Protein backbone atom coordinates (compact mmCIF):
# COMPACT_ATOMS: atom_id res chain seq x y z
CA MET A 1 -72.04 -30.62 -3.58
CA GLU A 2 -69.88 -30.89 -0.52
CA ILE A 3 -66.08 -30.55 -0.71
CA SER A 4 -64.16 -33.16 1.22
CA PRO A 5 -61.97 -31.91 4.11
CA LYS A 6 -58.87 -33.22 2.27
CA LYS A 7 -59.59 -31.21 -0.89
CA GLU A 8 -60.49 -28.18 1.18
CA GLY A 9 -57.14 -28.43 2.99
CA LEU A 10 -55.27 -28.69 -0.33
CA ALA A 11 -57.16 -25.66 -1.65
CA ARG A 12 -56.25 -23.63 1.39
CA LEU A 13 -52.63 -24.73 1.02
CA TRP A 14 -52.56 -23.78 -2.66
CA TYR A 15 -54.21 -20.38 -2.27
CA ASN A 16 -51.97 -19.41 0.65
CA PRO A 17 -49.21 -17.24 -0.90
CA LYS A 18 -46.52 -18.44 1.53
CA SER A 19 -47.39 -22.12 1.07
CA ARG A 20 -47.57 -21.77 -2.73
CA ALA A 21 -44.18 -20.01 -2.79
CA LEU A 22 -42.70 -22.82 -0.70
CA ILE A 23 -44.10 -25.45 -3.11
CA PHE A 24 -42.58 -23.66 -6.11
CA GLN A 25 -39.20 -23.40 -4.38
CA VAL A 26 -39.20 -27.12 -3.53
CA LEU A 27 -40.09 -28.00 -7.14
CA LEU A 28 -37.36 -25.72 -8.46
CA LEU A 29 -34.82 -27.25 -6.09
CA LEU A 30 -35.78 -30.76 -7.26
CA MET A 31 -35.37 -29.68 -10.89
CA VAL A 32 -31.92 -28.23 -10.21
CA VAL A 33 -30.79 -31.33 -8.32
CA THR A 34 -32.07 -33.54 -11.16
CA VAL A 35 -30.25 -31.51 -13.85
CA VAL A 36 -27.01 -31.47 -11.84
CA GLY A 37 -27.29 -35.21 -11.22
CA VAL A 38 -27.78 -35.92 -14.94
CA LEU A 39 -24.79 -33.72 -15.86
CA VAL A 40 -22.54 -35.36 -13.27
CA THR A 41 -23.58 -38.86 -14.35
CA ASN A 42 -23.04 -38.13 -18.06
CA THR A 43 -19.69 -36.50 -17.38
CA GLN A 44 -18.54 -39.47 -15.33
CA GLN A 45 -19.59 -41.92 -18.06
CA ASN A 46 -17.84 -39.91 -20.78
CA LEU A 47 -14.64 -39.71 -18.74
CA GLU A 48 -14.70 -43.49 -18.19
CA LYS A 49 -15.21 -44.09 -21.92
CA GLN A 50 -12.13 -41.96 -22.69
CA ASN A 51 -10.10 -43.61 -19.90
CA ILE A 52 -9.65 -40.26 -18.12
CA ALA A 53 -9.32 -40.51 -14.36
CA SER A 54 -11.44 -38.18 -12.27
CA GLY A 55 -10.84 -36.74 -8.84
CA PHE A 56 -8.08 -34.73 -7.23
CA GLY A 57 -5.53 -37.49 -6.79
CA PHE A 58 -3.27 -35.78 -9.34
CA LEU A 59 -2.48 -33.03 -6.81
CA SER A 60 0.08 -35.26 -5.09
CA GLN A 61 1.90 -36.08 -8.34
CA GLU A 62 5.14 -34.39 -9.44
CA ALA A 63 4.44 -31.19 -11.38
CA GLY A 64 7.50 -31.29 -13.61
CA PHE A 65 7.43 -27.63 -14.69
CA GLU A 66 9.12 -24.48 -13.48
CA ILE A 67 7.38 -21.31 -12.32
CA SER A 68 9.22 -18.08 -13.12
CA GLU A 69 8.03 -16.21 -9.99
CA SER A 70 7.24 -17.62 -6.59
CA ALA A 71 6.67 -16.15 -3.14
CA ILE A 72 7.79 -19.47 -1.61
CA GLU A 73 10.50 -21.94 -2.54
CA TYR A 74 9.37 -24.10 -5.45
CA TRP A 75 11.12 -26.64 -7.69
CA ALA A 76 9.97 -28.59 -10.73
CA ASP A 77 9.94 -31.86 -8.77
CA ASP A 78 7.39 -30.48 -6.28
CA SER A 79 3.76 -31.58 -6.44
CA TYR A 80 0.92 -30.02 -8.41
CA GLN A 81 -0.60 -29.00 -5.10
CA LYS A 82 2.42 -26.84 -4.26
CA ALA A 83 2.49 -25.42 -7.79
CA LEU A 84 -1.14 -24.37 -7.47
CA TRP A 85 -0.41 -22.88 -4.06
CA VAL A 86 2.35 -20.79 -5.67
CA GLY A 87 -0.21 -19.56 -8.21
CA ILE A 88 -2.65 -18.62 -5.43
CA LEU A 89 0.04 -16.63 -3.60
CA ASN A 90 1.03 -14.86 -6.84
CA THR A 91 -2.59 -13.88 -7.45
CA LEU A 92 -2.96 -12.74 -3.84
CA LYS A 93 0.17 -10.61 -4.14
CA VAL A 94 -1.16 -8.90 -7.27
CA ALA A 95 -4.60 -8.38 -5.67
CA VAL A 96 -3.28 -6.81 -2.46
CA ILE A 97 -0.60 -4.58 -4.00
CA GLY A 98 -2.74 -3.69 -7.01
CA ASN A 99 -5.78 -2.68 -4.97
CA PHE A 100 -3.67 -0.62 -2.57
CA PHE A 101 -2.22 1.50 -5.37
CA ALA A 102 -5.45 1.55 -7.38
CA ILE A 103 -7.40 2.95 -4.40
CA LEU A 104 -4.61 5.44 -3.67
CA LEU A 105 -4.54 6.55 -7.32
CA GLY A 106 -8.33 6.74 -7.35
CA VAL A 107 -8.44 9.04 -4.30
CA ILE A 108 -5.70 11.29 -5.71
CA GLY A 109 -7.24 11.27 -9.19
CA GLY A 110 -10.76 11.99 -7.95
CA ILE A 111 -9.58 14.94 -5.86
CA CYS A 112 -7.33 16.34 -8.60
CA ARG A 113 -10.13 15.89 -11.13
CA MET A 114 -12.07 18.52 -9.14
CA SER A 115 -9.08 20.78 -8.54
CA PRO A 116 -9.56 24.49 -9.31
CA ASN A 117 -6.20 24.27 -11.11
CA TRP A 118 -7.27 23.93 -14.75
CA LEU A 119 -4.13 22.17 -15.97
CA LEU A 120 -4.11 19.59 -13.16
CA SER A 121 -7.81 18.90 -13.64
CA ARG A 122 -7.43 18.45 -17.42
CA ILE A 123 -4.44 16.12 -17.05
CA PHE A 124 -6.34 13.75 -14.74
CA ALA A 125 -9.53 14.04 -16.80
CA SER A 126 -7.57 12.99 -19.91
CA TYR A 127 -5.95 10.09 -18.07
CA ILE A 128 -9.31 8.88 -16.73
CA GLU A 129 -11.01 8.96 -20.13
CA LEU A 130 -8.04 7.32 -21.85
CA ALA A 131 -7.62 4.50 -19.29
CA ARG A 132 -11.34 3.72 -19.02
CA ASN A 133 -11.92 3.46 -22.75
CA ILE A 134 -9.01 1.20 -23.76
CA PRO A 135 -9.49 -2.54 -23.09
CA LEU A 136 -7.44 -3.77 -20.16
CA LEU A 137 -5.83 -6.64 -22.08
CA LEU A 138 -4.63 -4.18 -24.72
CA GLN A 139 -3.11 -2.02 -22.00
CA LEU A 140 -1.30 -5.05 -20.57
CA PHE A 141 0.14 -5.85 -24.01
CA PHE A 142 1.25 -2.23 -24.39
CA TRP A 143 3.11 -2.07 -21.07
CA TYR A 144 4.69 -5.46 -21.62
CA ALA A 145 5.89 -4.35 -25.08
CA VAL A 146 7.33 -1.18 -23.54
CA PHE A 147 9.45 -3.15 -21.08
CA THR A 148 10.59 -5.80 -23.53
CA GLU A 149 11.22 -3.55 -26.53
CA VAL A 150 12.14 -0.09 -25.21
CA PHE A 151 14.53 -0.98 -22.39
CA PRO A 152 18.03 -2.25 -23.28
CA GLY A 153 19.39 -5.77 -22.92
CA VAL A 154 21.01 -7.10 -19.77
CA LYS A 155 24.58 -6.13 -20.63
CA GLU A 156 23.51 -2.60 -21.57
CA SER A 157 21.30 -2.18 -18.48
CA LEU A 158 20.47 1.29 -17.26
CA ASN A 159 22.11 2.12 -13.95
CA PRO A 160 20.30 5.22 -12.58
CA LEU A 161 21.48 4.62 -8.99
CA PRO A 162 24.29 2.57 -7.43
CA GLY A 163 23.19 -1.07 -7.35
CA VAL A 164 19.97 -0.37 -9.32
CA PHE A 165 19.67 -1.83 -12.84
CA ILE A 166 16.86 -1.65 -15.40
CA SER A 167 16.77 -3.87 -18.46
CA GLN A 168 14.47 -6.08 -20.52
CA ARG A 169 14.76 -8.66 -17.73
CA GLY A 170 13.19 -6.29 -15.19
CA PHE A 171 14.20 -4.05 -12.30
CA PHE A 172 17.05 -5.14 -10.03
CA PHE A 173 17.87 -3.35 -6.77
CA PRO A 174 19.72 -4.02 -3.48
CA ILE A 175 18.06 -5.39 -0.37
CA PRO A 176 19.41 -5.91 3.17
CA ALA A 177 21.62 -8.97 3.37
CA ALA A 178 20.26 -12.01 5.19
CA HIS A 179 20.39 -11.66 8.99
CA SER A 180 18.54 -13.29 11.88
CA ILE A 181 17.12 -9.94 13.06
CA TRP A 182 15.16 -9.09 9.92
CA PRO A 183 12.23 -11.46 10.65
CA TRP A 184 11.89 -9.76 14.03
CA VAL A 185 11.96 -6.34 12.39
CA LYS A 186 9.16 -7.44 10.06
CA THR A 187 7.20 -8.70 13.05
CA ALA A 188 7.70 -5.36 14.82
CA LEU A 189 6.55 -3.54 11.68
CA ALA A 190 3.42 -5.70 11.45
CA ALA A 191 2.70 -5.10 15.14
CA GLY A 192 3.24 -1.39 14.52
CA VAL A 193 0.61 -1.39 11.79
CA LEU A 194 -1.92 -3.04 14.11
CA LEU A 195 -1.11 -0.65 16.94
CA THR A 196 -1.44 2.32 14.57
CA LEU A 197 -4.87 1.15 13.41
CA GLY A 198 -5.91 0.67 17.04
CA SER A 199 -4.69 4.17 17.90
CA ALA A 200 -6.59 5.66 14.97
CA TYR A 201 -9.77 3.93 16.12
CA PHE A 202 -9.27 5.10 19.72
CA LEU A 203 -8.66 8.71 18.64
CA LYS A 204 -11.72 8.61 16.40
CA ARG A 205 -13.97 7.40 19.22
CA ARG A 206 -12.51 10.00 21.56
CA ARG A 207 -13.15 12.76 19.00
CA GLU A 208 -16.75 11.62 18.62
CA LYS A 209 -17.28 11.79 22.39
CA THR A 210 -15.34 14.94 23.28
CA GLY A 211 -15.01 16.83 20.00
CA VAL A 212 -11.25 17.13 20.58
CA GLN A 213 -9.09 16.29 17.55
CA LYS A 214 -5.78 14.71 18.55
CA PRO A 215 -3.05 14.20 15.92
CA LEU A 216 -2.25 10.65 14.83
CA TRP A 217 1.26 11.27 13.52
CA PRO A 218 3.03 10.84 16.93
CA TRP A 219 1.62 7.32 17.22
CA VAL A 220 2.52 6.57 13.60
CA THR A 221 6.09 7.71 14.27
CA VAL A 222 6.42 5.61 17.42
CA PHE A 223 4.84 2.40 16.12
CA LEU A 224 5.98 2.38 12.48
CA VAL A 225 9.40 4.03 12.77
CA VAL A 226 10.78 3.99 16.29
CA LEU A 227 9.67 0.45 17.24
CA PRO A 228 11.26 -1.31 14.20
CA ILE A 229 14.43 0.78 14.62
CA ILE A 230 14.72 -0.29 18.28
CA VAL A 231 14.37 -3.96 17.32
CA TRP A 232 16.93 -3.48 14.53
CA ALA A 233 19.37 -1.78 16.92
CA PHE A 234 19.05 -4.58 19.51
CA GLY A 235 19.88 -7.07 16.77
CA GLY A 236 23.25 -5.46 16.12
CA ALA A 237 22.09 -2.85 13.59
CA PRO A 238 23.18 -4.82 10.48
CA HIS A 239 23.62 -2.59 7.43
CA GLU A 240 25.13 -4.89 4.80
CA LEU A 241 23.33 -4.94 1.46
CA ASP A 242 22.85 -7.75 -1.04
CA VAL A 243 23.64 -5.93 -4.30
CA PRO A 244 22.69 -7.40 -7.72
CA GLN A 245 25.67 -8.61 -9.73
CA LEU A 246 25.77 -9.27 -13.46
CA GLY A 247 26.76 -12.84 -14.17
CA GLY A 248 26.29 -14.46 -17.58
CA PHE A 249 22.95 -13.55 -19.11
CA ASN A 250 21.25 -12.15 -16.02
CA PHE A 251 21.73 -10.56 -12.62
CA SER A 252 22.03 -12.51 -9.40
CA GLY A 253 21.51 -11.29 -5.85
CA GLY A 254 19.41 -8.44 -4.63
CA MET A 255 15.73 -8.33 -5.51
CA SER A 256 14.04 -8.11 -8.89
CA LEU A 257 10.70 -7.18 -10.40
CA THR A 258 10.03 -9.00 -13.66
CA PRO A 259 8.60 -7.21 -16.73
CA GLU A 260 5.50 -9.42 -16.48
CA PHE A 261 4.78 -8.37 -12.92
CA VAL A 262 5.46 -4.66 -13.53
CA ALA A 263 3.38 -4.61 -16.72
CA LEU A 264 0.51 -6.38 -14.97
CA MET A 265 0.62 -3.98 -12.02
CA LEU A 266 0.75 -0.90 -14.23
CA GLY A 267 -2.14 -2.09 -16.36
CA LEU A 268 -4.37 -3.11 -13.44
CA VAL A 269 -3.59 -0.04 -11.30
CA LEU A 270 -4.01 2.52 -14.09
CA TYR A 271 -7.18 0.89 -15.43
CA THR A 272 -8.90 0.32 -12.08
CA GLY A 273 -7.58 3.59 -10.65
CA ALA A 274 -9.40 5.51 -13.39
CA PHE A 275 -12.74 3.98 -12.38
CA ASN A 276 -11.93 4.57 -8.71
CA ALA A 277 -11.19 8.23 -9.46
CA GLU A 278 -14.65 8.71 -10.96
CA ILE A 279 -16.22 7.01 -7.93
CA VAL A 280 -14.33 9.33 -5.57
CA ARG A 281 -15.30 12.38 -7.65
CA ALA A 282 -18.97 11.36 -7.58
CA GLY A 283 -18.79 10.78 -3.83
CA ILE A 284 -17.29 14.22 -3.20
CA GLU A 285 -19.87 15.89 -5.43
CA SER A 286 -22.66 14.15 -3.49
CA VAL A 287 -21.81 16.31 -0.46
CA SER A 288 -23.76 19.55 -0.62
CA LYS A 289 -21.99 22.81 -1.37
CA GLY A 290 -23.20 24.16 1.95
CA GLN A 291 -20.79 21.85 3.77
CA TRP A 292 -17.87 23.52 1.98
CA GLU A 293 -19.21 26.97 2.79
CA ALA A 294 -19.86 26.13 6.44
CA ALA A 295 -16.36 24.73 6.88
CA SER A 296 -14.87 27.78 5.17
CA SER A 297 -16.81 30.08 7.51
CA LEU A 298 -15.22 28.25 10.44
CA GLY A 299 -11.77 29.06 9.09
CA LEU A 300 -10.88 25.62 7.72
CA THR A 301 -8.63 25.48 4.68
CA ARG A 302 -9.76 23.64 1.54
CA PHE A 303 -7.58 20.65 2.43
CA GLN A 304 -8.90 20.54 6.01
CA THR A 305 -12.46 20.79 4.74
CA LEU A 306 -11.86 17.93 2.34
CA ARG A 307 -10.17 15.71 4.95
CA LEU A 308 -12.34 16.45 7.98
CA VAL A 309 -15.75 17.28 6.53
CA VAL A 310 -16.30 16.19 2.94
CA LEU A 311 -14.45 12.88 2.59
CA PRO A 312 -15.91 11.33 5.78
CA GLN A 313 -19.42 12.09 4.52
CA SER A 314 -18.69 10.95 0.96
CA LEU A 315 -17.44 7.52 2.13
CA ARG A 316 -21.04 6.36 2.45
CA VAL A 317 -21.37 6.92 -1.30
CA ILE A 318 -17.85 5.82 -2.29
CA VAL A 319 -17.41 2.49 -0.50
CA PRO A 320 -20.17 0.36 -2.16
CA PRO A 321 -19.10 0.98 -5.80
CA MET A 322 -15.43 0.91 -4.73
CA THR A 323 -16.03 -2.62 -3.44
CA SER A 324 -17.05 -3.64 -6.95
CA GLN A 325 -13.82 -2.21 -8.36
CA VAL A 326 -11.73 -4.06 -5.76
CA LEU A 327 -13.42 -7.28 -6.85
CA ASN A 328 -12.95 -6.38 -10.52
CA LEU A 329 -9.20 -5.96 -10.06
CA ILE A 330 -8.95 -9.38 -8.40
CA LYS A 331 -10.88 -11.02 -11.24
CA ASN A 332 -9.09 -9.02 -13.95
CA SER A 333 -5.76 -10.28 -12.62
CA SER A 334 -6.58 -13.54 -14.44
CA LEU A 335 -5.64 -11.68 -17.67
CA ALA A 336 -2.03 -12.08 -16.50
CA VAL A 337 -1.95 -15.28 -18.53
CA GLY A 338 -1.84 -13.06 -21.64
CA ILE A 339 1.60 -11.66 -20.78
CA GLY A 340 3.08 -14.72 -19.09
CA TYR A 341 2.77 -13.84 -15.41
CA PRO A 342 2.31 -17.11 -13.45
CA ASP A 343 -0.88 -16.35 -11.56
CA PHE A 344 -3.27 -19.07 -10.43
CA VAL A 345 -5.07 -19.30 -13.78
CA ALA A 346 -1.78 -19.74 -15.66
CA VAL A 347 -0.55 -22.45 -13.27
CA ALA A 348 -3.93 -24.21 -13.33
CA ASN A 349 -3.95 -24.14 -17.15
CA THR A 350 -0.50 -25.75 -17.25
CA THR A 351 -1.66 -28.35 -14.75
CA MET A 352 -4.77 -29.05 -16.82
CA ASN A 353 -2.76 -29.45 -20.05
CA GLN A 354 -0.34 -31.91 -18.43
CA THR A 355 -2.83 -34.01 -16.49
CA GLY A 356 -5.96 -33.76 -18.62
CA GLN A 357 -8.00 -32.98 -15.46
CA ALA A 358 -9.93 -30.16 -17.12
CA ILE A 359 -13.03 -30.30 -14.93
CA GLU A 360 -11.07 -30.41 -11.69
CA ALA A 361 -8.75 -27.58 -12.79
CA VAL A 362 -11.62 -25.31 -13.84
CA LEU A 363 -13.46 -26.13 -10.62
CA LEU A 364 -10.38 -25.15 -8.59
CA ILE A 365 -10.13 -21.85 -10.48
CA MET A 366 -13.78 -21.10 -9.80
CA MET A 367 -13.50 -21.98 -6.11
CA VAL A 368 -10.36 -19.90 -5.56
CA TYR A 369 -11.80 -16.78 -7.18
CA LEU A 370 -15.09 -17.33 -5.37
CA PHE A 371 -13.20 -17.46 -2.07
CA PHE A 372 -11.27 -14.27 -2.90
CA SER A 373 -14.47 -12.48 -3.91
CA LEU A 374 -16.52 -13.54 -0.89
CA THR A 375 -13.70 -12.70 1.53
CA THR A 376 -13.20 -9.28 -0.04
CA SER A 377 -16.93 -8.56 -0.01
CA PHE A 378 -17.14 -9.59 3.65
CA VAL A 379 -14.30 -7.26 4.70
CA MET A 380 -15.52 -4.34 2.58
CA ASN A 381 -19.08 -4.73 3.86
CA ILE A 382 -17.85 -4.57 7.44
CA TYR A 383 -16.03 -1.32 6.63
CA ASN A 384 -19.07 -0.01 4.74
CA ARG A 385 -21.35 -0.62 7.73
CA SER A 386 -18.91 1.25 9.97
CA GLN A 387 -19.29 4.32 7.73
CA GLN A 388 -23.08 4.36 7.60
CA LEU A 389 -25.16 6.83 9.57
CA LYS A 390 -26.31 5.33 12.84
CA VAL A 391 -29.60 6.45 14.36
CA ARG A 392 -29.41 6.42 18.14
CA GLY A 393 -32.72 5.89 19.91
């Protein structure tokens, strides 16, 4: 019995692994599209039955609620779009500051965990075990209770330094009074950071080529200290301070850190820092003991060995799991809603309750955190690739 050319072609197509895999992927894609289409259609019909408007037109409507903390000027009569933007900036502030201190604490904790000093090692070991094994939300509740119950009221505020006040309402401290030169000083400081990073990269490449180690601290001093001071001096060297003043039931003037923000930062930093410390410890232990002995035979101190020999090699082990912890801190910041800090989730929840746009609000939350996660992963992966061993042909 002869097989027709058409059937023979289909048989060849089916028994070809690549073609069969492509067929399965196309079928799976069609199934997913069908399921999503059915869900969208049913959701749209249900919303119409309940007379609930869909879409993002509500973003231009007046929000009508206050936000206790905002990095930009915000009023209750602003739009939902601006309110959500305030929430995004609050989340971004927590993510950046929290990860900076969590990584710093992790590096210090990981190194001290391996210290030959028994007491120092035991203290950090106890902290790491305690912080890792208590749920983060419970830690946030604890720190918030400490600030709201232990510290005195506003009129009985602690005054440890002139112009500095600590109470149940938060920390209040002086800041430089408003002046036209301060934005330029901030710009000079930002430029100094970029120039310092560029100098560090240049010195690293030069060390790799010549083997000569040049100190970085002169460049740090020039770019981060001298340059802003020069700009400040050219602007008239203003030195007036905006000092907090008690008026009524709270302080006005100066700058403040609310109990919600401080409790959130303490909880996130201590919790994530404990995991980071274990990652750093594991990375250091991954470097063979012979590296320590070789560096010691060259006359390097323990600190020099750690900074110049061990830590650079351990970064290849540290960075990948550390990336996961950076992402975890960003996602865990959504627990701020439990203690009343107005992050993006809290603002989006208020928006959802007032407008009834549950699907749109949840979708916005998902998209914002997805953007944060993908951006963080992209940056950390670039840094991770820069630390990997490169084989030169």
